[in-house]
Amino acid sequence: MSSTPSFIETLTSAWQRTNSLLCVGLDPEPAKFPGALANRPDAIFEFCRAIVDATAPYASAFKPQIAYFAAHRAEDQLEALIAHIHERHPGLPVILDAKRGDIGSTAEQYAREAFVRYGADAVTVNPYMGFDSVEPYLAHEGKGVIVLCRTSNPGGSDLQFLETGGRPLYQVVAQLAAEKWNANGQLGLVVGATFPKEIEIVRQIVGDMPLLIPGIGAQGGDVEATVRAGRTAAGAGMMINSSRAILYAGKGDDFAAAAARAAEETRDKINAYR
């Protein structure tokens, strides 16, 4: 057995230590960066580093979205960013938002990318190719696997609400994750804040399994409804993600201070309903 804390252990400790359920999403868009970062070859890293250092006191996790780095050939900056978080803010888990979904040897490579190359503590995956598209990630001891269940986008209902055995497919995914797939005890589910009723149903199905909840802030999810629907008996169990509303709270060179204020306000608003 590894002496390194598992993703769930790290996350649970972070919830308690920081008194926060806020997950800060890192979706860097260079066109929105302040002038001081213009034309810097390491602008993406420097922007995200400043955001991380400013918001870490108010967050229990960070979630970099891989597409925002890969689209700008900035994978090396993503590696450096995750290493920085682990070094400067130990105990705050990093969730690589990649939504991978493939089988067999390809899934093994995606798992290696997330956990070995980038050093992420957890990764988001798409379960719609079945358990053998999830299983390779579970081979990495202590690493978290966060399965898409009820996503925050309107089009998610096209498939996730299809009737399967008399209930919607997202509920089947939740039950499979909780009862059959969670072999290493490190699974979580993505359930969008835009659907608080579904958050409540998923919570009833999966017990205390952690939920990654995108959709507050720019996507308009209701914080009070989200927290009341998703909290566990201990008042935790959620990684409530906000990205754009924190990253771009300020447009000037004081962007990091503005992000810190937005993160603190969001944490406090979440805590008001725990």
C-alpha atoms as a PDB file:
ATOM      1  CA  MET A   1       0.000   0.000   0.000  1.00  0.00           C
ATOM      2  CA  SER A   2       1.188   3.514  -0.800  1.00  0.00           C
ATOM      3  CA  SER A   3       1.866   5.927   2.045  1.00  0.00           C
ATOM      4  CA  THR A   4       0.763   8.806  -0.191  1.00  0.00           C
ATOM      5  CA  PRO A   5      -2.750  10.011   0.699  1.00  0.00           C
ATOM      6  CA  SER A   6      -5.385   9.023  -1.827  1.00  0.00           C
ATOM      7  CA  PHE A   7      -7.454  11.540  -3.756  1.00  0.00           C
ATOM      8  CA  ILE A   8     -10.459  11.031  -1.466  1.00  0.00           C
ATOM      9  CA  GLU A   9      -8.297  11.378   1.647  1.00  0.00           C
ATOM     10  CA  THR A  10      -6.681  14.545   0.295  1.00  0.00           C
ATOM     11  CA  LEU A  11     -10.021  16.029  -0.735  1.00  0.00           C
ATOM     12  CA  THR A  12     -11.703  15.220   2.580  1.00  0.00           C
ATOM     13  CA  SER A  13      -8.803  16.755   4.473  1.00  0.00           C
ATOM     14  CA  ALA A  14      -8.929  19.855   2.261  1.00  0.00           C
ATOM     15  CA  TRP A  15     -12.659  20.331   2.903  1.00  0.00           C
ATOM     16  CA  GLN A  16     -12.031  20.261   6.633  1.00  0.00           C
ATOM     17  CA  ARG A  17      -8.804  22.271   6.693  1.00  0.00           C
ATOM     18  CA  THR A  18      -9.937  25.069   4.385  1.00  0.00           C
ATOM     19  CA  ASN A  19     -13.606  25.168   5.432  1.00  0.00           C
ATOM     20  CA  SER A  20     -14.368  25.448   1.729  1.00  0.00           C
ATOM     21  CA  LEU A  21     -16.200  23.440  -0.924  1.00  0.00           C
ATOM     22  CA  LEU A  22     -15.029  25.752  -3.710  1.00  0.00           C
ATOM     23  CA  CYS A  23     -13.158  24.272  -6.665  1.00  0.00           C
ATOM     24  CA  VAL A  24     -11.477  26.929  -8.811  1.00  0.00           C
ATOM     25  CA  GLY A  25     -11.591  26.047 -12.492  1.00  0.00           C
ATOM     26  CA  LEU A  26      -8.578  27.052 -14.575  1.00  0.00           C
ATOM     27  CA  ASP A  27      -9.762  27.818 -18.125  1.00  0.00           C
ATOM     28  CA  PRO A  28      -7.154  30.296 -19.406  1.00  0.00           C
ATOM     29  CA  GLU A  29      -8.087  32.369 -22.467  1.00  0.00           C
ATOM     30  CA  PRO A  30      -5.116  34.540 -23.535  1.00  0.00           C
ATOM     31  CA  ALA A  31      -7.411  37.020 -25.297  1.00  0.00           C
ATOM     32  CA  LYS A  32      -8.821  37.924 -21.870  1.00  0.00           C
ATOM     33  CA  PHE A  33      -5.461  38.334 -20.117  1.00  0.00           C
ATOM     34  CA  PRO A  34      -4.419  41.783 -18.860  1.00  0.00           C
ATOM     35  CA  GLY A  35      -1.892  43.813 -20.851  1.00  0.00           C
ATOM     36  CA  ALA A  36       1.029  42.992 -18.575  1.00  0.00           C
ATOM     37  CA  LEU A  37       0.939  39.391 -19.812  1.00  0.00           C
ATOM     38  CA  ALA A  38       0.587  40.207 -23.506  1.00  0.00           C
ATOM     39  CA  ASN A  39       2.979  38.337 -25.787  1.00  0.00           C
ATOM     40  CA  ARG A  40       4.747  36.520 -22.954  1.00  0.00           C
ATOM     41  CA  PRO A  41       5.592  32.959 -24.024  1.00  0.00           C
ATOM     42  CA  ASP A  42       4.684  31.729 -20.532  1.00  0.00           C
ATOM     43  CA  ALA A  43       1.568  33.895 -20.212  1.00  0.00           C
ATOM     44  CA  ILE A  44      -0.798  30.972 -19.591  1.00  0.00           C
ATOM     45  CA  PHE A  45       1.322  29.618 -16.760  1.00  0.00           C
ATOM     46  CA  GLU A  46       1.860  33.059 -15.214  1.00  0.00           C
ATOM     47  CA  PHE A  47      -1.841  33.936 -15.371  1.00  0.00           C
ATOM     48  CA  CYS A  48      -2.905  30.639 -13.814  1.00  0.00           C
ATOM     49  CA  ARG A  49      -0.109  30.715 -11.238  1.00  0.00           C
ATOM     50  CA  ALA A  50      -1.223  34.157 -10.081  1.00  0.00           C
ATOM     51  CA  ILE A  51      -4.848  32.985  -9.877  1.00  0.00           C
ATOM     52  CA  VAL A  52      -3.883  29.852  -7.939  1.00  0.00           C
ATOM     53  CA  ASP A  53      -1.709  31.709  -5.435  1.00  0.00           C
ATOM     54  CA  ALA A  54      -4.410  34.342  -4.875  1.00  0.00           C
ATOM     55  CA  THR A  55      -7.361  31.969  -4.520  1.00  0.00           C
ATOM     56  CA  ALA A  56      -5.722  29.045  -2.682  1.00  0.00           C
ATOM     57  CA  PRO A  57      -6.793  30.346   0.771  1.00  0.00           C
ATOM     58  CA  TYR A  58     -10.441  30.026  -0.288  1.00  0.00           C
ATOM     59  CA  ALA A  59     -10.370  26.808  -2.341  1.00  0.00           C
ATOM     60  CA  SER A  60     -10.367  23.097  -1.594  1.00  0.00           C
ATOM     61  CA  ALA A  61      -9.397  22.011  -5.147  1.00  0.00           C
ATOM     62  CA  PHE A  62      -8.279  23.269  -8.550  1.00  0.00           C
ATOM     63  CA  LYS A  63      -9.553  22.051 -11.917  1.00  0.00           C
ATOM     64  CA  PRO A  64      -7.493  22.896 -15.010  1.00  0.00           C
ATOM     65  CA  GLN A  65      -9.331  22.216 -18.287  1.00  0.00           C
ATOM     66  CA  ILE A  66      -6.845  20.543 -20.620  1.00  0.00           C
ATOM     67  CA  ALA A  67      -8.284  21.964 -23.864  1.00  0.00           C
ATOM     68  CA  TYR A  68      -7.475  25.537 -22.829  1.00  0.00           C
ATOM     69  CA  PHE A  69      -3.812  24.561 -22.582  1.00  0.00           C
ATOM     70  CA  ALA A  70      -3.533  22.132 -25.512  1.00  0.00           C
ATOM     71  CA  ALA A  71      -5.185  24.557 -27.957  1.00  0.00           C
ATOM     72  CA  HIS A  72      -2.294  26.965 -27.371  1.00  0.00           C
ATOM     73  CA  ARG A  73       0.453  24.315 -27.367  1.00  0.00           C
ATOM     74  CA  ALA A  74       0.830  24.991 -23.652  1.00  0.00           C
ATOM     75  CA  GLU A  75       0.881  21.450 -22.300  1.00  0.00           C
ATOM     76  CA  ASP A  76       4.309  22.127 -20.779  1.00  0.00           C
ATOM     77  CA  GLN A  77       2.789  25.091 -18.939  1.00  0.00           C
ATOM     78  CA  LEU A  78       0.035  22.809 -17.635  1.00  0.00           C
ATOM     79  CA  GLU A  79       2.673  20.397 -16.315  1.00  0.00           C
ATOM     80  CA  ALA A  80       4.464  23.294 -14.630  1.00  0.00           C
ATOM     81  CA  LEU A  81       1.208  24.639 -13.188  1.00  0.00           C
ATOM     82  CA  ILE A  82       0.192  21.349 -11.580  1.00  0.00           C
ATOM     83  CA  ALA A  83       3.708  20.935 -10.178  1.00  0.00           C
ATOM     84  CA  HIS A  84       3.463  24.463  -8.767  1.00  0.00           C
ATOM     85  CA  ILE A  85       0.140  23.719  -7.064  1.00  0.00           C
ATOM     86  CA  HIS A  86       1.521  20.570  -5.467  1.00  0.00           C
ATOM     87  CA  GLU A  87       4.686  22.338  -4.332  1.00  0.00           C
ATOM     88  CA  ARG A  88       3.266  25.636  -3.101  1.00  0.00           C
ATOM     89  CA  HIS A  89      -0.189  24.497  -1.990  1.00  0.00           C
ATOM     90  CA  PRO A  90       0.224  20.898  -0.822  1.00  0.00           C
ATOM     91  CA  GLY A  91      -2.982  19.194   0.178  1.00  0.00           C
ATOM     92  CA  LEU A  92      -5.127  20.944  -2.440  1.00  0.00           C
ATOM     93  CA  PRO A  93      -6.014  18.275  -5.023  1.00  0.00           C
ATOM     94  CA  VAL A  94      -5.791  18.937  -8.754  1.00  0.00           C
ATOM     95  CA  ILE A  95      -8.534  17.547 -10.986  1.00  0.00           C
ATOM     96  CA  LEU A  96      -7.557  17.380 -14.654  1.00  0.00           C
ATOM     97  CA  ASP A  97     -10.745  18.117 -16.572  1.00  0.00           C
ATOM     98  CA  ALA A  98     -10.206  16.029 -19.706  1.00  0.00           C
ATOM     99  CA  LYS A  99     -13.477  14.062 -20.041  1.00  0.00           C
ATOM    100  CA  ARG A 100     -11.634  11.183 -21.671  1.00  0.00           C
ATOM    101  CA  GLY A 101     -13.685   8.264 -22.957  1.00  0.00           C
ATOM    102  CA  ASP A 102     -12.025   5.345 -24.744  1.00  0.00           C
ATOM    103  CA  ILE A 103     -11.289   1.687 -24.148  1.00  0.00           C
ATOM    104  CA  GLY A 104      -8.393  -0.678 -23.611  1.00  0.00           C
ATOM    105  CA  SER A 105      -4.867   0.380 -24.426  1.00  0.00           C
ATOM    106  CA  THR A 106      -5.987   3.873 -25.468  1.00  0.00           C
ATOM    107  CA  ALA A 107      -7.611   4.491 -22.084  1.00  0.00           C
ATOM    108  CA  GLU A 108      -4.407   3.249 -20.452  1.00  0.00           C
ATOM    109  CA  GLN A 109      -2.495   5.960 -22.314  1.00  0.00           C
ATOM    110  CA  TYR A 110      -4.990   8.656 -21.320  1.00  0.00           C
ATOM    111  CA  ALA A 111      -4.664   7.520 -17.693  1.00  0.00           C
ATOM    112  CA  ARG A 112      -0.886   7.690 -17.957  1.00  0.00           C
ATOM    113  CA  GLU A 113      -1.151  11.164 -19.482  1.00  0.00           C
ATOM    114  CA  ALA A 114      -3.303  12.434 -16.601  1.00  0.00           C
ATOM    115  CA  PHE A 115      -1.537  10.794 -13.692  1.00  0.00           C
ATOM    116  CA  VAL A 116       2.075  10.282 -14.787  1.00  0.00           C
ATOM    117  CA  ARG A 117       2.747  13.098 -17.258  1.00  0.00           C
ATOM    118  CA  TYR A 118       0.651  15.795 -15.593  1.00  0.00           C
ATOM    119  CA  GLY A 119       0.648  14.455 -12.049  1.00  0.00           C
ATOM    120  CA  ALA A 120      -3.058  15.147 -11.540  1.00  0.00           C
ATOM    121  CA  ASP A 121      -4.770  13.781  -8.449  1.00  0.00           C
ATOM    122  CA  ALA A 122      -7.967  13.006 -10.359  1.00  0.00           C
ATOM    123  CA  VAL A 123      -9.346  13.111 -13.886  1.00  0.00           C
ATOM    124  CA  THR A 124     -12.804  13.463 -15.412  1.00  0.00           C
ATOM    125  CA  VAL A 125     -13.931  10.617 -17.686  1.00  0.00           C
ATOM    126  CA  ASN A 126     -16.876   9.913 -19.963  1.00  0.00           C
ATOM    127  CA  PRO A 127     -18.553   6.593 -19.059  1.00  0.00           C
ATOM    128  CA  TYR A 128     -20.652   6.090 -22.161  1.00  0.00           C
ATOM    129  CA  MET A 129     -18.381   3.336 -23.544  1.00  0.00           C
ATOM    130  CA  GLY A 130     -18.932   1.328 -20.369  1.00  0.00           C
ATOM    131  CA  PHE A 131     -16.778   0.068 -17.531  1.00  0.00           C
ATOM    132  CA  ASP A 132     -13.797  -0.909 -19.676  1.00  0.00           C
ATOM    133  CA  SER A 133     -13.416   2.784 -20.556  1.00  0.00           C
ATOM    134  CA  VAL A 134     -13.199   3.620 -16.822  1.00  0.00           C
ATOM    135  CA  GLU A 135     -11.251   0.639 -15.497  1.00  0.00           C
ATOM    136  CA  PRO A 136      -7.727   1.600 -16.705  1.00  0.00           C
ATOM    137  CA  TYR A 137      -7.824   4.743 -14.568  1.00  0.00           C
ATOM    138  CA  LEU A 138      -8.572   2.657 -11.463  1.00  0.00           C
ATOM    139  CA  ALA A 139      -5.255   0.835 -11.909  1.00  0.00           C
ATOM    140  CA  HIS A 140      -3.478   3.989 -10.676  1.00  0.00           C
ATOM    141  CA  GLU A 141      -3.537   3.544  -6.925  1.00  0.00           C
ATOM    142  CA  GLY A 142      -5.047   6.399  -4.973  1.00  0.00           C
ATOM    143  CA  LYS A 143      -5.971   8.458  -8.028  1.00  0.00           C
ATOM    144  CA  GLY A 144      -9.473   9.872  -8.400  1.00  0.00           C
ATOM    145  CA  VAL A 145     -11.789   9.132 -11.307  1.00  0.00           C
ATOM    146  CA  ILE A 146     -14.721  11.506 -11.723  1.00  0.00           C
ATOM    147  CA  VAL A 147     -17.414  10.140 -14.015  1.00  0.00           C
ATOM    148  CA  LEU A 148     -19.768  12.324 -16.054  1.00  0.00           C
ATOM    149  CA  CYS A 149     -23.288  11.715 -14.810  1.00  0.00           C
ATOM    150  CA  ARG A 150     -25.688  14.668 -15.184  1.00  0.00           C
ATOM    151  CA  THR A 151     -23.846  17.443 -16.962  1.00  0.00           C
ATOM    152  CA  SER A 152     -24.615  21.162 -16.696  1.00  0.00           C
ATOM    153  CA  ASN A 153     -25.191  21.811 -20.399  1.00  0.00           C
ATOM    154  CA  PRO A 154     -28.765  21.913 -21.798  1.00  0.00           C
ATOM    155  CA  GLY A 155     -27.989  19.264 -24.436  1.00  0.00           C
ATOM    156  CA  GLY A 156     -26.996  16.769 -21.739  1.00  0.00           C
ATOM    157  CA  SER A 157     -30.654  15.777 -21.533  1.00  0.00           C
ATOM    158  CA  ASP A 158     -30.526  14.419 -25.100  1.00  0.00           C
ATOM    159  CA  LEU A 159     -28.894  11.232 -23.781  1.00  0.00           C
ATOM    160  CA  GLN A 160     -28.818  11.486 -19.993  1.00  0.00           C
ATOM    161  CA  PHE A 161     -32.616  11.597 -19.719  1.00  0.00           C
ATOM    162  CA  LEU A 162     -33.277   8.626 -21.991  1.00  0.00           C
ATOM    163  CA  GLU A 163     -35.469   6.080 -20.209  1.00  0.00           C
ATOM    164  CA  THR A 164     -33.559   2.907 -19.304  1.00  0.00           C
ATOM    165  CA  GLY A 165     -35.501   0.307 -17.364  1.00  0.00           C
ATOM    166  CA  GLY A 166     -38.019   2.922 -16.309  1.00  0.00           C
ATOM    167  CA  ARG A 167     -35.539   5.573 -15.138  1.00  0.00           C
ATOM    168  CA  PRO A 168     -33.253   8.081 -16.820  1.00  0.00           C
ATOM    169  CA  LEU A 169     -29.812   6.994 -17.936  1.00  0.00           C
ATOM    170  CA  TYR A 170     -27.962   9.393 -15.611  1.00  0.00           C
ATOM    171  CA  GLN A 171     -29.454   7.538 -12.629  1.00  0.00           C
ATOM    172  CA  VAL A 172     -28.222   4.224 -14.043  1.00  0.00           C
ATOM    173  CA  VAL A 173     -24.726   5.725 -14.382  1.00  0.00           C
ATOM    174  CA  ALA A 174     -24.871   6.941 -10.766  1.00  0.00           C
ATOM    175  CA  GLN A 175     -25.874   3.513  -9.498  1.00  0.00           C
ATOM    176  CA  LEU A 176     -23.239   1.696 -11.554  1.00  0.00           C
ATOM    177  CA  ALA A 177     -20.567   4.070 -10.282  1.00  0.00           C
ATOM    178  CA  ALA A 178     -21.616   3.670  -6.664  1.00  0.00           C
ATOM    179  CA  GLU A 179     -22.278  -0.075  -6.593  1.00  0.00           C
ATOM    180  CA  LYS A 180     -20.152  -1.763  -9.272  1.00  0.00           C
ATOM    181  CA  TRP A 181     -17.416   0.497 -10.600  1.00  0.00           C
ATOM    182  CA  ASN A 182     -15.943   2.014  -7.426  1.00  0.00           C
ATOM    183  CA  ALA A 183     -13.380  -0.756  -6.981  1.00  0.00           C
ATOM    184  CA  ASN A 184     -10.676   1.508  -5.567  1.00  0.00           C
ATOM    185  CA  GLY A 185     -12.976   3.747  -3.531  1.00  0.00           C
ATOM    186  CA  GLN A 186     -11.795   6.824  -5.460  1.00  0.00           C
ATOM    187  CA  LEU A 187     -14.758   7.516  -7.748  1.00  0.00           C
ATOM    188  CA  GLY A 188     -16.760  10.719  -7.924  1.00  0.00           C
ATOM    189  CA  LEU A 189     -19.482  12.012 -10.239  1.00  0.00           C
ATOM    190  CA  VAL A 190     -20.042  15.177 -12.270  1.00  0.00           C
ATOM    191  CA  VAL A 191     -23.510  16.628 -11.670  1.00  0.00           C
ATOM    192  CA  GLY A 192     -24.302  20.142 -12.888  1.00  0.00           C
ATOM    193  CA  ALA A 193     -25.491  22.936 -10.616  1.00  0.00           C
ATOM    194  CA  THR A 194     -28.047  23.859 -13.260  1.00  0.00           C
ATOM    195  CA  PHE A 195     -30.106  20.809 -12.182  1.00  0.00           C
ATOM    196  CA  PRO A 196     -30.464  20.868  -8.361  1.00  0.00           C
ATOM    197  CA  LYS A 197     -33.289  18.318  -8.341  1.00  0.00           C
ATOM    198  CA  GLU A 198     -31.055  15.838 -10.135  1.00  0.00           C
ATOM    199  CA  ILE A 199     -28.227  16.592  -7.689  1.00  0.00           C
ATOM    200  CA  GLU A 200     -30.571  15.581  -4.873  1.00  0.00           C
ATOM    201  CA  ILE A 201     -31.540  12.345  -6.624  1.00  0.00           C
ATOM    202  CA  VAL A 202     -27.905  11.449  -7.361  1.00  0.00           C
ATOM    203  CA  ARG A 203     -26.954  12.137  -3.741  1.00  0.00           C
ATOM    204  CA  GLN A 204     -29.649   9.694  -2.603  1.00  0.00           C
ATOM    205  CA  ILE A 205     -28.293   7.031  -4.983  1.00  0.00           C
ATOM    206  CA  VAL A 206     -24.572   7.359  -4.218  1.00  0.00           C
ATOM    207  CA  GLY A 207     -24.455   8.191  -0.515  1.00  0.00           C
ATOM    208  CA  ASP A 208     -21.360  10.188   0.449  1.00  0.00           C
ATOM    209  CA  MET A 209     -19.535   9.827  -2.897  1.00  0.00           C
ATOM    210  CA  PRO A 210     -18.012  13.208  -3.837  1.00  0.00           C
ATOM    211  CA  LEU A 211     -19.749  15.252  -6.511  1.00  0.00           C
ATOM    212  CA  LEU A 212     -17.973  17.667  -8.837  1.00  0.00           C
ATOM    213  CA  ILE A 213     -20.559  20.350  -9.503  1.00  0.00           C
ATOM    214  CA  PRO A 214     -19.921  22.799 -12.348  1.00  0.00           C
ATOM    215  CA  GLY A 215     -22.398  25.446 -13.412  1.00  0.00           C
ATOM    216  CA  ILE A 216     -22.431  28.155 -10.734  1.00  0.00           C
ATOM    217  CA  GLY A 217     -21.176  31.612 -11.660  1.00  0.00           C
ATOM    218  CA  ALA A 218     -21.149  32.202 -15.404  1.00  0.00           C
ATOM    219  CA  GLN A 219     -23.507  29.292 -16.133  1.00  0.00           C
ATOM    220  CA  GLY A 220     -26.099  30.592 -13.689  1.00  0.00           C
ATOM    221  CA  GLY A 221     -26.503  27.696 -11.255  1.00  0.00           C
ATOM    222  CA  ASP A 222     -28.154  28.599  -7.940  1.00  0.00           C
ATOM    223  CA  VAL A 223     -25.712  28.238  -5.042  1.00  0.00           C
ATOM    224  CA  GLU A 224     -28.315  27.774  -2.311  1.00  0.00           C
ATOM    225  CA  ALA A 225     -30.248  25.128  -4.244  1.00  0.00           C
ATOM    226  CA  THR A 226     -27.019  23.358  -5.178  1.00  0.00           C
ATOM    227  CA  VAL A 227     -25.692  23.162  -1.627  1.00  0.00           C
ATOM    228  CA  ARG A 228     -28.993  22.079  -0.098  1.00  0.00           C
ATOM    229  CA  ALA A 229     -29.387  19.351  -2.730  1.00  0.00           C
ATOM    230  CA  GLY A 230     -25.825  18.024  -2.737  1.00  0.00           C
ATOM    231  CA  ARG A 231     -24.391  18.309   0.750  1.00  0.00           C
ATOM    232  CA  THR A 232     -23.737  15.189   2.786  1.00  0.00           C
ATOM    233  CA  ALA A 233     -24.815  14.774   6.397  1.00  0.00           C
ATOM    234  CA  ALA A 234     -21.404  16.202   7.346  1.00  0.00           C
ATOM    235  CA  GLY A 235     -22.058  19.317   5.245  1.00  0.00           C
ATOM    236  CA  ALA A 236     -19.422  18.457   2.641  1.00  0.00           C
ATOM    237  CA  GLY A 237     -19.258  16.000  -0.291  1.00  0.00           C
ATOM    238  CA  MET A 238     -19.047  18.595  -3.056  1.00  0.00           C
ATOM    239  CA  MET A 239     -16.456  20.278  -5.254  1.00  0.00           C
ATOM    240  CA  ILE A 240     -18.489  23.275  -6.400  1.00  0.00           C
ATOM    241  CA  ASN A 241     -16.641  24.660  -9.388  1.00  0.00           C
ATOM    242  CA  SER A 242     -16.459  28.233 -10.566  1.00  0.00           C
ATOM    243  CA  SER A 243     -14.180  29.179 -13.454  1.00  0.00           C
ATOM    244  CA  ARG A 244     -14.866  32.311 -15.501  1.00  0.00           C
ATOM    245  CA  ALA A 245     -16.587  34.249 -12.701  1.00  0.00           C
ATOM    246  CA  ILE A 246     -13.360  34.005 -10.671  1.00  0.00           C
ATOM    247  CA  LEU A 247     -10.702  34.059 -13.409  1.00  0.00           C
ATOM    248  CA  TYR A 248     -12.048  37.168 -15.090  1.00  0.00           C
ATOM    249  CA  ALA A 249     -13.489  39.002 -12.085  1.00  0.00           C
ATOM    250  CA  GLY A 250     -11.010  41.785 -12.908  1.00  0.00           C
ATOM    251  CA  LYS A 251      -9.691  42.895 -16.280  1.00  0.00           C
ATOM    252  CA  GLY A 252      -6.676  44.952 -15.214  1.00  0.00           C
ATOM    253  CA  ASP A 253      -3.277  44.081 -13.837  1.00  0.00           C
ATOM    254  CA  ASP A 254      -4.904  43.550 -10.425  1.00  0.00           C
ATOM    255  CA  PHE A 255      -6.734  40.509 -11.848  1.00  0.00           C
ATOM    256  CA  ALA A 256      -5.375  38.162  -9.170  1.00  0.00           C
ATOM    257  CA  ALA A 257      -6.652  40.332  -6.315  1.00  0.00           C
ATOM    258  CA  ALA A 258     -10.055  40.531  -8.013  1.00  0.00           C
ATOM    259  CA  ALA A 259     -10.061  36.744  -8.391  1.00  0.00           C
ATOM    260  CA  ALA A 260      -9.245  36.351  -4.700  1.00  0.00           C
ATOM    261  CA  ARG A 261     -12.200  38.559  -3.742  1.00  0.00           C
ATOM    262  CA  ALA A 262     -14.524  36.596  -6.041  1.00  0.00           C
ATOM    263  CA  ALA A 263     -13.280  33.283  -4.636  1.00  0.00           C
ATOM    264  CA  GLU A 264     -13.727  34.449  -1.052  1.00  0.00           C
ATOM    265  CA  GLU A 265     -17.255  35.673  -1.789  1.00  0.00           C
ATOM    266  CA  THR A 266     -18.151  32.404  -3.495  1.00  0.00           C
ATOM    267  CA  ARG A 267     -16.741  30.300  -0.655  1.00  0.00           C
ATOM    268  CA  ASP A 268     -18.684  32.349   1.896  1.00  0.00           C
ATOM    269  CA  LYS A 269     -21.899  32.100  -0.108  1.00  0.00           C
ATOM    270  CA  ILE A 270     -21.526  28.318  -0.301  1.00  0.00           C
ATOM    271  CA  ASN A 271     -20.787  28.083   3.414  1.00  0.00           C
ATOM    272  CA  ALA A 272     -23.893  30.108   4.268  1.00  0.00           C
ATOM    273  CA  TYR A 273     -26.049  27.126   3.195  1.00  0.00           C
ATOM    274  CA  ARG A 274     -23.969  24.199   4.487  1.00  0.00           C
END
